Amino acid sequence: MDNADPEEDKRYEAERRLVAKRISELLVQAGVTESKLSIELGHNKDYIRGITAKHTAPSLRGLFDICHYFGITPAQFFDRNFSLTISDAVKLMERLDDEDMEFVLTVLNHLLKKKKTATK
């Protein structure tokens, strides 16, 4: 970058690394290759590879397209605790009626209590 502020350059590079890492994590979680994602987003097969190799950064629209592909929001993209597994579970749970949702919550609470007891 030709920016006069070295600190700004460092921040930009840190953000670019974060975006690259997050895309790589999502690819692994979804079992999708870089070339497949690139092509499905309407780019050449090396588009995502350029991002994950930290040679380039996606535009804002490109980032939104990546989020849409994985079925997540930009906020979820930047949430380090968010995973596609959680997203899939939430999507499935949204389809349940109230009775089934109560059952799922009961099971989850039981599992958490069991785990807490096992760690004592």
PDB file of N, CA and C in Angstrom:
ATOM      1  N   MET A   1       0.829  -1.180   0.000  1.00  0.00           N
ATOM      2  CA  MET A   1       0.000   0.000   0.000  1.00  0.00           C
ATOM      3  C   MET A   1       0.872   1.242   0.000  1.00  0.00           C
ATOM      4  N   ASP A   2       0.427   2.282  -0.634  1.00  0.00           N
ATOM      5  CA  ASP A   2       1.165   3.530  -0.697  1.00  0.00           C
ATOM      6  C   ASP A   2       0.681   4.538   0.325  1.00  0.00           C
ATOM      7  N   ASN A   3       0.083   4.088   1.382  1.00  0.00           N
ATOM      8  CA  ASN A   3      -0.451   4.983   2.390  1.00  0.00           C
ATOM      9  C   ASN A   3       0.700   5.591   3.185  1.00  0.00           C
ATOM     10  N   ALA A   4       0.574   6.863   3.576  1.00  0.00           N
ATOM     11  CA  ALA A   4       1.623   7.551   4.306  1.00  0.00           C
ATOM     12  C   ALA A   4       1.663   7.158   5.781  1.00  0.00           C
ATOM     13  N   ASP A   5       0.609   6.529   6.281  1.00  0.00           N
ATOM     14  CA  ASP A   5       0.524   6.175   7.698  1.00  0.00           C
ATOM     15  C   ASP A   5       0.832   4.691   7.897  1.00  0.00           C
ATOM     16  N   PRO A   6       2.029   4.371   8.409  1.00  0.00           N
ATOM     17  CA  PRO A   6       2.396   2.966   8.603  1.00  0.00           C
ATOM     18  C   PRO A   6       1.468   2.231   9.566  1.00  0.00           C
ATOM     19  N   GLU A   7       0.943   2.934  10.574  1.00  0.00           N
ATOM     20  CA  GLU A   7       0.011   2.300  11.520  1.00  0.00           C
ATOM     21  C   GLU A   7      -1.279   1.892  10.817  1.00  0.00           C
ATOM     22  N   GLU A   8      -1.739   2.737   9.925  1.00  0.00           N
ATOM     23  CA  GLU A   8      -2.950   2.406   9.166  1.00  0.00           C
ATOM     24  C   GLU A   8      -2.696   1.206   8.261  1.00  0.00           C
ATOM     25  N   ASP A   9      -1.518   1.158   7.676  1.00  0.00           N
ATOM     26  CA  ASP A   9      -1.144   0.007   6.846  1.00  0.00           C
ATOM     27  C   ASP A   9      -1.160  -1.280   7.673  1.00  0.00           C
ATOM     28  N   LYS A  10      -0.648  -1.228   8.896  1.00  0.00           N
ATOM     29  CA  LYS A  10      -0.628  -2.402   9.772  1.00  0.00           C
ATOM     30  C   LYS A  10      -2.042  -2.854  10.112  1.00  0.00           C
ATOM     31  N   ARG A  11      -2.912  -1.880  10.413  1.00  0.00           N
ATOM     32  CA  ARG A  11      -4.307  -2.220  10.730  1.00  0.00           C
ATOM     33  C   ARG A  11      -4.989  -2.871   9.535  1.00  0.00           C
ATOM     34  N   TYR A  12      -4.748  -2.318   8.348  1.00  0.00           N
ATOM     35  CA  TYR A  12      -5.348  -2.877   7.133  1.00  0.00           C
ATOM     36  C   TYR A  12      -4.873  -4.316   6.928  1.00  0.00           C
ATOM     37  N   GLU A  13      -3.601  -4.539   7.087  1.00  0.00           N
ATOM     38  CA  GLU A  13      -3.057  -5.887   6.904  1.00  0.00           C
ATOM     39  C   GLU A  13      -3.624  -6.852   7.936  1.00  0.00           C
ATOM     40  N   ALA A  14      -3.793  -6.397   9.159  1.00  0.00           N
ATOM     41  CA  ALA A  14      -4.367  -7.252  10.207  1.00  0.00           C
ATOM     42  C   ALA A  14      -5.804  -7.618   9.855  1.00  0.00           C
ATOM     43  N   GLU A  15      -6.567  -6.656   9.375  1.00  0.00           N
ATOM     44  CA  GLU A  15      -7.957  -6.926   8.977  1.00  0.00           C
ATOM     45  C   GLU A  15      -8.004  -7.863   7.778  1.00  0.00           C
ATOM     46  N   ARG A  16      -7.105  -7.684   6.837  1.00  0.00           N
ATOM     47  CA  ARG A  16      -7.069  -8.551   5.658  1.00  0.00           C
ATOM     48  C   ARG A  16      -6.746  -9.988   6.072  1.00  0.00           C
ATOM     49  N   ARG A  17      -5.833 -10.154   7.016  1.00  0.00           N
ATOM     50  CA  ARG A  17      -5.511 -11.499   7.522  1.00  0.00           C
ATOM     51  C   ARG A  17      -6.716 -12.114   8.222  1.00  0.00           C
ATOM     52  N   LEU A  18      -7.435 -11.301   9.000  1.00  0.00           N
ATOM     53  CA  LEU A  18      -8.619 -11.785   9.700  1.00  0.00           C
ATOM     54  C   LEU A  18      -9.677 -12.265   8.701  1.00  0.00           C
ATOM     55  N   VAL A  19      -9.915 -11.502   7.653  1.00  0.00           N
ATOM     56  CA  VAL A  19     -10.896 -11.883   6.631  1.00  0.00           C
ATOM     57  C   VAL A  19     -10.452 -13.173   5.940  1.00  0.00           C
ATOM     58  N   ALA A  20      -9.188 -13.254   5.588  1.00  0.00           N
ATOM     59  CA  ALA A  20      -8.669 -14.454   4.928  1.00  0.00           C
ATOM     60  C   ALA A  20      -8.829 -15.685   5.811  1.00  0.00           C
ATOM     61  N   LYS A  21      -8.491 -15.539   7.088  1.00  0.00           N
ATOM     62  CA  LYS A  21      -8.604 -16.666   8.029  1.00  0.00           C
ATOM     63  C   LYS A  21     -10.055 -17.098   8.187  1.00  0.00           C
ATOM     64  N   ARG A  22     -10.950 -16.138   8.300  1.00  0.00           N
ATOM     65  CA  ARG A  22     -12.367 -16.463   8.500  1.00  0.00           C
ATOM     66  C   ARG A  22     -12.940 -17.180   7.291  1.00  0.00           C
ATOM     67  N   ILE A  23     -12.587 -16.726   6.100  1.00  0.00           N
ATOM     68  CA  ILE A  23     -13.063 -17.408   4.891  1.00  0.00           C
ATOM     69  C   ILE A  23     -12.532 -18.837   4.863  1.00  0.00           C
ATOM     70  N   SER A  24     -11.275 -19.014   5.225  1.00  0.00           N
ATOM     71  CA  SER A  24     -10.696 -20.368   5.259  1.00  0.00           C
ATOM     72  C   SER A  24     -11.440 -21.255   6.247  1.00  0.00           C
ATOM     73  N   GLU A  25     -11.781 -20.715   7.421  1.00  0.00           N
ATOM     74  CA  GLU A  25     -12.532 -21.483   8.420  1.00  0.00           C
ATOM     75  C   GLU A  25     -13.901 -21.892   7.878  1.00  0.00           C
ATOM     76  N   LEU A  26     -14.584 -20.955   7.245  1.00  0.00           N
ATOM     77  CA  LEU A  26     -15.912 -21.249   6.702  1.00  0.00           C
ATOM     78  C   LEU A  26     -15.841 -22.294   5.594  1.00  0.00           C
ATOM     79  N   LEU A  27     -14.817 -22.219   4.772  1.00  0.00           N
ATOM     80  CA  LEU A  27     -14.645 -23.220   3.707  1.00  0.00           C
ATOM     81  C   LEU A  27     -14.488 -24.621   4.302  1.00  0.00           C
ATOM     82  N   VAL A  28     -13.672 -24.730   5.333  1.00  0.00           N
ATOM     83  CA  VAL A  28     -13.450 -26.028   5.983  1.00  0.00           C
ATOM     84  C   VAL A  28     -14.744 -26.522   6.622  1.00  0.00           C
ATOM     85  N   GLN A  29     -15.433 -25.647   7.365  1.00  0.00           N
ATOM     86  CA  GLN A  29     -16.676 -26.044   8.022  1.00  0.00           C
ATOM     87  C   GLN A  29     -17.721 -26.502   7.021  1.00  0.00           C
ATOM     88  N   ALA A  30     -17.772 -25.847   5.868  1.00  0.00           N
ATOM     89  CA  ALA A  30     -18.779 -26.186   4.863  1.00  0.00           C
ATOM     90  C   ALA A  30     -18.321 -27.288   3.909  1.00  0.00           C
ATOM     91  N   GLY A  31     -17.042 -27.634   3.954  1.00  0.00           N
ATOM     92  CA  GLY A  31     -16.521 -28.643   3.044  1.00  0.00           C
ATOM     93  C   GLY A  31     -16.526 -28.180   1.591  1.00  0.00           C
ATOM     94  N   VAL A  32     -16.223 -26.914   1.397  1.00  0.00           N
ATOM     95  CA  VAL A  32     -16.236 -26.313   0.063  1.00  0.00           C
ATOM     96  C   VAL A  32     -14.810 -25.920  -0.313  1.00  0.00           C
ATOM     97  N   THR A  33     -14.449 -26.087  -1.564  1.00  0.00           N
ATOM     98  CA  THR A  33     -13.114 -25.692  -2.006  1.00  0.00           C
ATOM     99  C   THR A  33     -13.096 -24.216  -2.394  1.00  0.00           C
ATOM    100  N   GLU A  34     -11.909 -23.660  -2.393  1.00  0.00           N
ATOM    101  CA  GLU A  34     -11.749 -22.259  -2.805  1.00  0.00           C
ATOM    102  C   GLU A  34     -12.230 -22.060  -4.238  1.00  0.00           C
ATOM    103  N   SER A  35     -11.864 -22.980  -5.123  1.00  0.00           N
ATOM    104  CA  SER A  35     -12.257 -22.816  -6.525  1.00  0.00           C
ATOM    105  C   SER A  35     -13.768 -22.942  -6.710  1.00  0.00           C
ATOM    106  N   LYS A  36     -14.404 -23.849  -5.976  1.00  0.00           N
ATOM    107  CA  LYS A  36     -15.861 -23.994  -6.088  1.00  0.00           C
ATOM    108  C   LYS A  36     -16.559 -22.713  -5.637  1.00  0.00           C
ATOM    109  N   LEU A  37     -16.145 -22.174  -4.494  1.00  0.00           N
ATOM    110  CA  LEU A  37     -16.746 -20.931  -4.018  1.00  0.00           C
ATOM    111  C   LEU A  37     -16.519 -19.806  -5.020  1.00  0.00           C
ATOM    112  N   SER A  38     -15.306 -19.704  -5.532  1.00  0.00           N
ATOM    113  CA  SER A  38     -14.996 -18.659  -6.512  1.00  0.00           C
ATOM    114  C   SER A  38     -15.929 -18.719  -7.706  1.00  0.00           C
ATOM    115  N   ILE A  39     -16.083 -19.900  -8.258  1.00  0.00           N
ATOM    116  CA  ILE A  39     -16.916 -20.073  -9.446  1.00  0.00           C
ATOM    117  C   ILE A  39     -18.385 -19.810  -9.120  1.00  0.00           C
ATOM    118  N   GLU A  40     -18.853 -20.307  -7.982  1.00  0.00           N
ATOM    119  CA  GLU A  40     -20.258 -20.106  -7.618  1.00  0.00           C
ATOM    120  C   GLU A  40     -20.579 -18.642  -7.325  1.00  0.00           C
ATOM    121  N   LEU A  41     -19.548 -17.859  -6.985  1.00  0.00           N
ATOM    122  CA  LEU A  41     -19.749 -16.427  -6.775  1.00  0.00           C
ATOM    123  C   LEU A  41     -19.624 -15.644  -8.085  1.00  0.00           C
ATOM    124  N   GLY A  42     -19.311 -16.360  -9.178  1.00  0.00           N
ATOM    125  CA  GLY A  42     -19.227 -15.706 -10.486  1.00  0.00           C
ATOM    126  C   GLY A  42     -17.861 -15.129 -10.816  1.00  0.00           C
ATOM    127  N   HIS A  43     -16.827 -15.637 -10.154  1.00  0.00           N
ATOM    128  CA  HIS A  43     -15.461 -15.164 -10.394  1.00  0.00           C
ATOM    129  C   HIS A  43     -14.633 -16.287 -11.013  1.00  0.00           C
ATOM    130  N   ASN A  44     -13.397 -15.960 -11.371  1.00  0.00           N
ATOM    131  CA  ASN A  44     -12.513 -17.021 -11.852  1.00  0.00           C
ATOM    132  C   ASN A  44     -12.148 -17.924 -10.692  1.00  0.00           C
ATOM    133  N   LYS A  45     -11.650 -19.110 -10.994  1.00  0.00           N
ATOM    134  CA  LYS A  45     -11.436 -20.130  -9.961  1.00  0.00           C
ATOM    135  C   LYS A  45     -10.412 -19.737  -8.895  1.00  0.00           C
ATOM    136  N   ASP A  46      -9.595 -18.733  -9.158  1.00  0.00           N
ATOM    137  CA  ASP A  46      -8.559 -18.330  -8.208  1.00  0.00           C
ATOM    138  C   ASP A  46      -8.945 -17.130  -7.338  1.00  0.00           C
ATOM    139  N   TYR A  47     -10.168 -16.646  -7.471  1.00  0.00           N
ATOM    140  CA  TYR A  47     -10.601 -15.459  -6.729  1.00  0.00           C
ATOM    141  C   TYR A  47     -10.443 -15.633  -5.216  1.00  0.00           C
ATOM    142  N   ILE A  48     -11.016 -16.687  -4.672  1.00  0.00           N
ATOM    143  CA  ILE A  48     -10.949 -16.911  -3.219  1.00  0.00           C
ATOM    144  C   ILE A  48      -9.525 -17.237  -2.790  1.00  0.00           C
ATOM    145  N   ARG A  49      -8.796 -17.952  -3.619  1.00  0.00           N
ATOM    146  CA  ARG A  49      -7.398 -18.282  -3.291  1.00  0.00           C
ATOM    147  C   ARG A  49      -6.588 -16.998  -3.105  1.00  0.00           C
ATOM    148  N   GLY A  50      -6.834 -16.002  -3.932  1.00  0.00           N
ATOM    149  CA  GLY A  50      -6.144 -14.723  -3.795  1.00  0.00           C
ATOM    150  C   GLY A  50      -6.436 -14.057  -2.464  1.00  0.00           C
ATOM    151  N   ILE A  51      -7.664 -14.234  -1.976  1.00  0.00           N
ATOM    152  CA  ILE A  51      -8.043 -13.649  -0.689  1.00  0.00           C
ATOM    153  C   ILE A  51      -7.420 -14.441   0.460  1.00  0.00           C
ATOM    154  N   THR A  52      -7.556 -15.767   0.430  1.00  0.00           N
ATOM    155  CA  THR A  52      -7.043 -16.585   1.537  1.00  0.00           C
ATOM    156  C   THR A  52      -5.513 -16.590   1.584  1.00  0.00           C
ATOM    157  N   ALA A  53      -4.878 -16.329   0.451  1.00  0.00           N
ATOM    158  CA  ALA A  53      -3.416 -16.237   0.426  1.00  0.00           C
ATOM    159  C   ALA A  53      -2.953 -14.826   0.803  1.00  0.00           C
ATOM    160  N   LYS A  54      -3.922 -13.965   1.111  1.00  0.00           N
ATOM    161  CA  LYS A  54      -3.659 -12.600   1.576  1.00  0.00           C
ATOM    162  C   LYS A  54      -3.035 -11.708   0.508  1.00  0.00           C
ATOM    163  N   HIS A  55      -3.292 -12.017  -0.779  1.00  0.00           N
ATOM    164  CA  HIS A  55      -2.803 -11.168  -1.868  1.00  0.00           C
ATOM    165  C   HIS A  55      -3.763 -10.021  -2.147  1.00  0.00           C
ATOM    166  N   THR A  56      -5.027 -10.243  -1.835  1.00  0.00           N
ATOM    167  CA  THR A  56      -6.054  -9.248  -2.096  1.00  0.00           C
ATOM    168  C   THR A  56      -7.126  -9.343  -1.020  1.00  0.00           C
ATOM    169  N   ALA A  57      -8.009  -8.378  -0.997  1.00  0.00           N
ATOM    170  CA  ALA A  57      -9.132  -8.396  -0.063  1.00  0.00           C
ATOM    171  C   ALA A  57     -10.414  -8.262  -0.869  1.00  0.00           C
ATOM    172  N   PRO A  58     -11.492  -8.878  -0.405  1.00  0.00           N
ATOM    173  CA  PRO A  58     -12.746  -8.737  -1.150  1.00  0.00           C
ATOM    174  C   PRO A  58     -13.307  -7.316  -0.981  1.00  0.00           C
ATOM    175  N   SER A  59     -14.037  -6.887  -1.980  1.00  0.00           N
ATOM    176  CA  SER A  59     -14.766  -5.626  -1.838  1.00  0.00           C
ATOM    177  C   SER A  59     -15.864  -5.843  -0.801  1.00  0.00           C
ATOM    178  N   LEU A  60     -16.520  -4.780  -0.416  1.00  0.00           N
ATOM    179  CA  LEU A  60     -17.632  -4.911   0.523  1.00  0.00           C
ATOM    180  C   LEU A  60     -18.716  -5.792  -0.082  1.00  0.00           C
ATOM    181  N   ARG A  61     -19.016  -5.578  -1.353  1.00  0.00           N
ATOM    182  CA  ARG A  61     -20.014  -6.416  -2.021  1.00  0.00           C
ATOM    183  C   ARG A  61     -19.533  -7.869  -2.075  1.00  0.00           C
ATOM    184  N   GLY A  62     -18.245  -8.062  -2.341  1.00  0.00           N
ATOM    185  CA  GLY A  62     -17.692  -9.414  -2.361  1.00  0.00           C
ATOM    186  C   GLY A  62     -17.834 -10.101  -1.016  1.00  0.00           C
ATOM    187  N   LEU A  63     -17.584  -9.345   0.059  1.00  0.00           N
ATOM    188  CA  LEU A  63     -17.738  -9.898   1.399  1.00  0.00           C
ATOM    189  C   LEU A  63     -19.196 -10.259   1.663  1.00  0.00           C
ATOM    190  N   PHE A  64     -20.123  -9.395   1.247  1.00  0.00           N
ATOM    191  CA  PHE A  64     -21.549  -9.688   1.402  1.00  0.00           C
ATOM    192  C   PHE A  64     -21.934 -10.936   0.613  1.00  0.00           C
ATOM    193  N   ASP A  65     -21.385 -11.083  -0.588  1.00  0.00           N
ATOM    194  CA  ASP A  65     -21.672 -12.274  -1.403  1.00  0.00           C
ATOM    195  C   ASP A  65     -21.160 -13.542  -0.722  1.00  0.00           C
ATOM    196  N   ILE A  66     -19.986 -13.451  -0.118  1.00  0.00           N
ATOM    197  CA  ILE A  66     -19.426 -14.598   0.601  1.00  0.00           C
ATOM    198  C   ILE A  66     -20.315 -14.954   1.788  1.00  0.00           C
ATOM    199  N   CYS A  67     -20.736 -13.940   2.529  1.00  0.00           N
ATOM    200  CA  CYS A  67     -21.635 -14.178   3.668  1.00  0.00           C
ATOM    201  C   CYS A  67     -22.931 -14.833   3.193  1.00  0.00           C
ATOM    202  N   HIS A  68     -23.504 -14.298   2.127  1.00  0.00           N
ATOM    203  CA  HIS A  68     -24.762 -14.846   1.592  1.00  0.00           C
ATOM    204  C   HIS A  68     -24.574 -16.301   1.180  1.00  0.00           C
ATOM    205  N   TYR A  69     -23.457 -16.611   0.557  1.00  0.00           N
ATOM    206  CA  TYR A  69     -23.187 -17.990   0.135  1.00  0.00           C
ATOM    207  C   TYR A  69     -23.238 -18.940   1.325  1.00  0.00           C
ATOM    208  N   PHE A  70     -22.643 -18.525   2.439  1.00  0.00           N
ATOM    209  CA  PHE A  70     -22.605 -19.382   3.624  1.00  0.00           C
ATOM    210  C   PHE A  70     -23.847 -19.252   4.490  1.00  0.00           C
ATOM    211  N   GLY A  71     -24.768 -18.372   4.102  1.00  0.00           N
ATOM    212  CA  GLY A  71     -26.012 -18.211   4.853  1.00  0.00           C
ATOM    213  C   GLY A  71     -25.829 -17.521   6.191  1.00  0.00           C
ATOM    214  N   ILE A  72     -24.858 -16.602   6.244  1.00  0.00           N
ATOM    215  CA  ILE A  72     -24.587 -15.888   7.483  1.00  0.00           C
ATOM    216  C   ILE A  72     -24.636 -14.381   7.231  1.00  0.00           C
ATOM    217  N   THR A  73     -24.731 -13.635   8.309  1.00  0.00           N
ATOM    218  CA  THR A  73     -24.711 -12.178   8.217  1.00  0.00           C
ATOM    219  C   THR A  73     -23.262 -11.697   8.324  1.00  0.00           C
ATOM    220  N   PRO A  74     -22.999 -10.462   7.898  1.00  0.00           N
ATOM    221  CA  PRO A  74     -21.644  -9.922   8.116  1.00  0.00           C
ATOM    222  C   PRO A  74     -21.258  -9.918   9.598  1.00  0.00           C
ATOM    223  N   ALA A  75     -22.214  -9.657  10.480  1.00  0.00           N
ATOM    224  CA  ALA A  75     -21.910  -9.698  11.921  1.00  0.00           C
ATOM    225  C   ALA A  75     -21.451 -11.098  12.329  1.00  0.00           C
ATOM    226  N   GLN A  76     -22.119 -12.127  11.817  1.00  0.00           N
ATOM    227  CA  GLN A  76     -21.723 -13.499  12.132  1.00  0.00           C
ATOM    228  C   GLN A  76     -20.360 -13.821  11.529  1.00  0.00           C
ATOM    229  N   PHE A  77     -20.064 -13.249  10.368  1.00  0.00           N
ATOM    230  CA  PHE A  77     -18.763 -13.462   9.737  1.00  0.00           C
ATOM    231  C   PHE A  77     -17.644 -13.011  10.674  1.00  0.00           C
ATOM    232  N   PHE A  78     -17.833 -11.869  11.326  1.00  0.00           N
ATOM    233  CA  PHE A  78     -16.784 -11.318  12.182  1.00  0.00           C
ATOM    234  C   PHE A  78     -16.868 -11.793  13.629  1.00  0.00           C
ATOM    235  N   ASP A  79     -17.870 -12.596  13.958  1.00  0.00           N
ATOM    236  CA  ASP A  79     -18.008 -13.149  15.306  1.00  0.00           C
ATOM    237  C   ASP A  79     -17.121 -14.374  15.428  1.00  0.00           C
ATOM    238  N   ARG A  80     -16.069 -14.258  16.217  1.00  0.00           N
ATOM    239  CA  ARG A  80     -15.101 -15.351  16.324  1.00  0.00           C
ATOM    240  C   ARG A  80     -15.677 -16.605  16.972  1.00  0.00           C
ATOM    241  N   ASN A  81     -16.788 -16.491  17.673  1.00  0.00           N
ATOM    242  CA  ASN A  81     -17.405 -17.642  18.330  1.00  0.00           C
ATOM    243  C   ASN A  81     -18.485 -18.297  17.484  1.00  0.00           C
ATOM    244  N   PHE A  82     -18.753 -17.736  16.320  1.00  0.00           N
ATOM    245  CA  PHE A  82     -19.826 -18.253  15.479  1.00  0.00           C
ATOM    246  C   PHE A  82     -19.279 -19.334  14.554  1.00  0.00           C
ATOM    247  N   SER A  83     -20.049 -20.395  14.383  1.00  0.00           N
ATOM    248  CA  SER A  83     -19.669 -21.440  13.438  1.00  0.00           C
ATOM    249  C   SER A  83     -20.875 -21.814  12.602  1.00  0.00           C
ATOM    250  N   LEU A  84     -20.620 -22.417  11.471  1.00  0.00           N
ATOM    251  CA  LEU A  84     -21.717 -22.849  10.611  1.00  0.00           C
ATOM    252  C   LEU A  84     -22.560 -23.907  11.289  1.00  0.00           C
ATOM    253  N   THR A  85     -21.983 -24.677  12.189  1.00  0.00           N
ATOM    254  CA  THR A  85     -22.739 -25.689  12.916  1.00  0.00           C
ATOM    255  C   THR A  85     -23.838 -25.025  13.741  1.00  0.00           C
ATOM    256  N   ILE A  86     -23.488 -23.935  14.416  1.00  0.00           N
ATOM    257  CA  ILE A  86     -24.483 -23.199  15.195  1.00  0.00           C
ATOM    258  C   ILE A  86     -25.553 -22.631  14.264  1.00  0.00           C
ATOM    259  N   SER A  87     -25.123 -22.078  13.150  1.00  0.00           N
ATOM    260  CA  SER A  87     -26.065 -21.512  12.184  1.00  0.00           C
ATOM    261  C   SER A  87     -27.043 -22.565  11.686  1.00  0.00           C
ATOM    262  N   ASP A  88     -26.527 -23.737  11.368  1.00  0.00           N
ATOM    263  CA  ASP A  88     -27.388 -24.825  10.899  1.00  0.00           C
ATOM    264  C   ASP A  88     -28.386 -25.234  11.982  1.00  0.00           C
ATOM    265  N   ALA A  89     -27.923 -25.312  13.223  1.00  0.00           N
ATOM    266  CA  ALA A  89     -28.813 -25.687  14.322  1.00  0.00           C
ATOM    267  C   ALA A  89     -29.916 -24.652  14.510  1.00  0.00           C
ATOM    268  N   VAL A  90     -29.561 -23.386  14.443  1.00  0.00           N
ATOM    269  CA  VAL A  90     -30.563 -22.328  14.600  1.00  0.00           C
ATOM    270  C   VAL A  90     -31.590 -22.393  13.470  1.00  0.00           C
ATOM    271  N   LYS A  91     -31.131 -22.593  12.261  1.00  0.00           N
ATOM    272  CA  LYS A  91     -32.066 -22.678  11.124  1.00  0.00           C
ATOM    273  C   LYS A  91     -33.049 -23.836  11.296  1.00  0.00           C
ATOM    274  N   LEU A  92     -32.552 -24.959  11.780  1.00  0.00           N
ATOM    275  CA  LEU A  92     -33.431 -26.100  12.013  1.00  0.00           C
ATOM    276  C   LEU A  92     -34.403 -25.827  13.154  1.00  0.00           C
ATOM    277  N   MET A  93     -33.907 -25.224  14.215  1.00  0.00           N
ATOM    278  CA  MET A  93     -34.757 -24.946  15.370  1.00  0.00           C
ATOM    279  C   MET A  93     -35.847 -23.940  15.039  1.00  0.00           C
ATOM    280  N   GLU A  94     -35.590 -23.023  14.130  1.00  0.00           N
ATOM    281  CA  GLU A  94     -36.595 -22.039  13.741  1.00  0.00           C
ATOM    282  C   GLU A  94     -37.820 -22.689  13.096  1.00  0.00           C
ATOM    283  N   ARG A  95     -37.656 -23.897  12.610  1.00  0.00           N
ATOM    284  CA  ARG A  95     -38.761 -24.601  11.955  1.00  0.00           C
ATOM    285  C   ARG A  95     -39.609 -25.404  12.928  1.00  0.00           C
ATOM    286  N   LEU A  96     -39.191 -25.472  14.196  1.00  0.00           N
ATOM    287  CA  LEU A  96     -39.919 -26.259  15.192  1.00  0.00           C
ATOM    288  C   LEU A  96     -41.107 -25.491  15.751  1.00  0.00           C
ATOM    289  N   ASP A  97     -42.119 -26.238  16.183  1.00  0.00           N
ATOM    290  CA  ASP A  97     -43.217 -25.579  16.904  1.00  0.00           C
ATOM    291  C   ASP A  97     -42.786 -25.409  18.363  1.00  0.00           C
ATOM    292  N   ASP A  98     -43.606 -24.703  19.145  1.00  0.00           N
ATOM    293  CA  ASP A  98     -43.241 -24.383  20.523  1.00  0.00           C
ATOM    294  C   ASP A  98     -42.992 -25.624  21.381  1.00  0.00           C
ATOM    295  N   GLU A  99     -43.810 -26.633  21.201  1.00  0.00           N
ATOM    296  CA  GLU A  99     -43.665 -27.863  21.998  1.00  0.00           C
ATOM    297  C   GLU A  99     -42.334 -28.547  21.712  1.00  0.00           C
ATOM    298  N   ASP A 100     -42.000 -28.662  20.434  1.00  0.00           N
ATOM    299  CA  ASP A 100     -40.729 -29.294  20.070  1.00  0.00           C
ATOM    300  C   ASP A 100     -39.539 -28.447  20.517  1.00  0.00           C
ATOM    301  N   MET A 101     -39.695 -27.129  20.456  1.00  0.00           N
ATOM    302  CA  MET A 101     -38.620 -26.244  20.908  1.00  0.00           C
ATOM    303  C   MET A 101     -38.378 -26.426  22.404  1.00  0.00           C
ATOM    304  N   GLU A 102     -39.430 -26.564  23.188  1.00  0.00           N
ATOM    305  CA  GLU A 102     -39.291 -26.821  24.625  1.00  0.00           C
ATOM    306  C   GLU A 102     -38.550 -28.130  24.871  1.00  0.00           C
ATOM    307  N   PHE A 103     -38.863 -29.145  24.070  1.00  0.00           N
ATOM    308  CA  PHE A 103     -38.189 -30.434  24.200  1.00  0.00           C
ATOM    309  C   PHE A 103     -36.695 -30.288  23.915  1.00  0.00           C
ATOM    310  N   VAL A 104     -36.346 -29.574  22.838  1.00  0.00           N
ATOM    311  CA  VAL A 104     -34.936 -29.367  22.483  1.00  0.00           C
ATOM    312  C   VAL A 104     -34.215 -28.625  23.609  1.00  0.00           C
ATOM    313  N   LEU A 105     -34.851 -27.599  24.156  1.00  0.00           N
ATOM    314  CA  LEU A 105     -34.238 -26.853  25.252  1.00  0.00           C
ATOM    315  C   LEU A 105     -34.044 -27.721  26.493  1.00  0.00           C
ATOM    316  N   THR A 106     -35.001 -28.607  26.760  1.00  0.00           N
ATOM    317  CA  THR A 106     -34.884 -29.538  27.889  1.00  0.00           C
ATOM    318  C   THR A 106     -33.687 -30.460  27.683  1.00  0.00           C
ATOM    319  N   VAL A 107     -33.544 -30.985  26.493  1.00  0.00           N
ATOM    320  CA  VAL A 107     -32.414 -31.875  26.184  1.00  0.00           C
ATOM    321  C   VAL A 107     -31.089 -31.124  26.322  1.00  0.00           C
ATOM    322  N   LEU A 108     -31.023 -29.911  25.783  1.00  0.00           N
ATOM    323  CA  LEU A 108     -29.790 -29.127  25.886  1.00  0.00           C
ATOM    324  C   LEU A 108     -29.430 -28.838  27.337  1.00  0.00           C
ATOM    325  N   ASN A 109     -30.414 -28.449  28.136  1.00  0.00           N
ATOM    326  CA  ASN A 109     -30.157 -28.196  29.559  1.00  0.00           C
ATOM    327  C   ASN A 109     -29.675 -29.459  30.266  1.00  0.00           C
ATOM    328  N   HIS A 110     -30.276 -30.600  29.927  1.00  0.00           N
ATOM    329  CA  HIS A 110     -29.852 -31.875  30.519  1.00  0.00           C
ATOM    330  C   HIS A 110     -28.391 -32.171  30.153  1.00  0.00           C
ATOM    331  N   LEU A 111     -28.038 -31.971  28.899  1.00  0.00           N
ATOM    332  CA  LEU A 111     -26.666 -32.234  28.465  1.00  0.00           C
ATOM    333  C   LEU A 111     -25.670 -31.306  29.163  1.00  0.00           C
ATOM    334  N   LEU A 112     -26.053 -30.049  29.315  1.00  0.00           N
ATOM    335  CA  LEU A 112     -25.159 -29.099  29.990  1.00  0.00           C
ATOM    336  C   LEU A 112     -24.972 -29.455  31.460  1.00  0.00           C
ATOM    337  N   LYS A 113     -26.044 -29.871  32.125  1.00  0.00           N
ATOM    338  CA  LYS A 113     -25.935 -30.298  33.529  1.00  0.00           C
ATOM    339  C   LYS A 113     -25.049 -31.537  33.641  1.00  0.00           C
ATOM    340  N   LYS A 114     -25.227 -32.465  32.713  1.00  0.00           N
ATOM    341  CA  LYS A 114     -24.432 -33.693  32.699  1.00  0.00           C
ATOM    342  C   LYS A 114     -22.956 -33.368  32.505  1.00  0.00           C
ATOM    343  N   LYS A 115     -22.671 -32.436  31.600  1.00  0.00           N
ATOM    344  CA  LYS A 115     -21.296 -32.032  31.336  1.00  0.00           C
ATOM    345  C   LYS A 115     -20.694 -31.335  32.563  1.00  0.00           C
ATOM    346  N   LYS A 116     -21.490 -30.482  33.206  1.00  0.00           N
ATOM    347  CA  LYS A 116     -21.015 -29.762  34.385  1.00  0.00           C
ATOM    348  C   LYS A 116     -20.696 -30.745  35.517  1.00  0.00           C
ATOM    349  N   THR A 117     -21.542 -31.764  35.683  1.00  0.00           N
ATOM    350  CA  THR A 117     -21.325 -32.776  36.709  1.00  0.00           C
ATOM    351  C   THR A 117     -20.053 -33.587  36.416  1.00  0.00           C
ATOM    352  N   ALA A 118     -19.824 -33.872  35.154  1.00  0.00           N
ATOM    353  CA  ALA A 118     -18.666 -34.684  34.773  1.00  0.00           C
ATOM    354  C   ALA A 118     -17.353 -33.936  34.978  1.00  0.00           C
ATOM    355  N   THR A 119     -17.384 -32.608  34.944  1.00  0.00           N
ATOM    356  CA  THR A 119     -16.139 -31.828  35.100  1.00  0.00           C
ATOM    357  C   THR A 119     -15.811 -31.514  36.553  1.00  0.00           C
ATOM    358  N   LYS A 120     -16.678 -31.885  37.493  1.00  0.00           N
ATOM    359  CA  LYS A 120     -16.413 -31.625  38.922  1.00  0.00           C
ATOM    360  C   LYS A 120     -15.491 -32.634  39.515  1.00  0.00           C
TER     361      LYS A 120
END
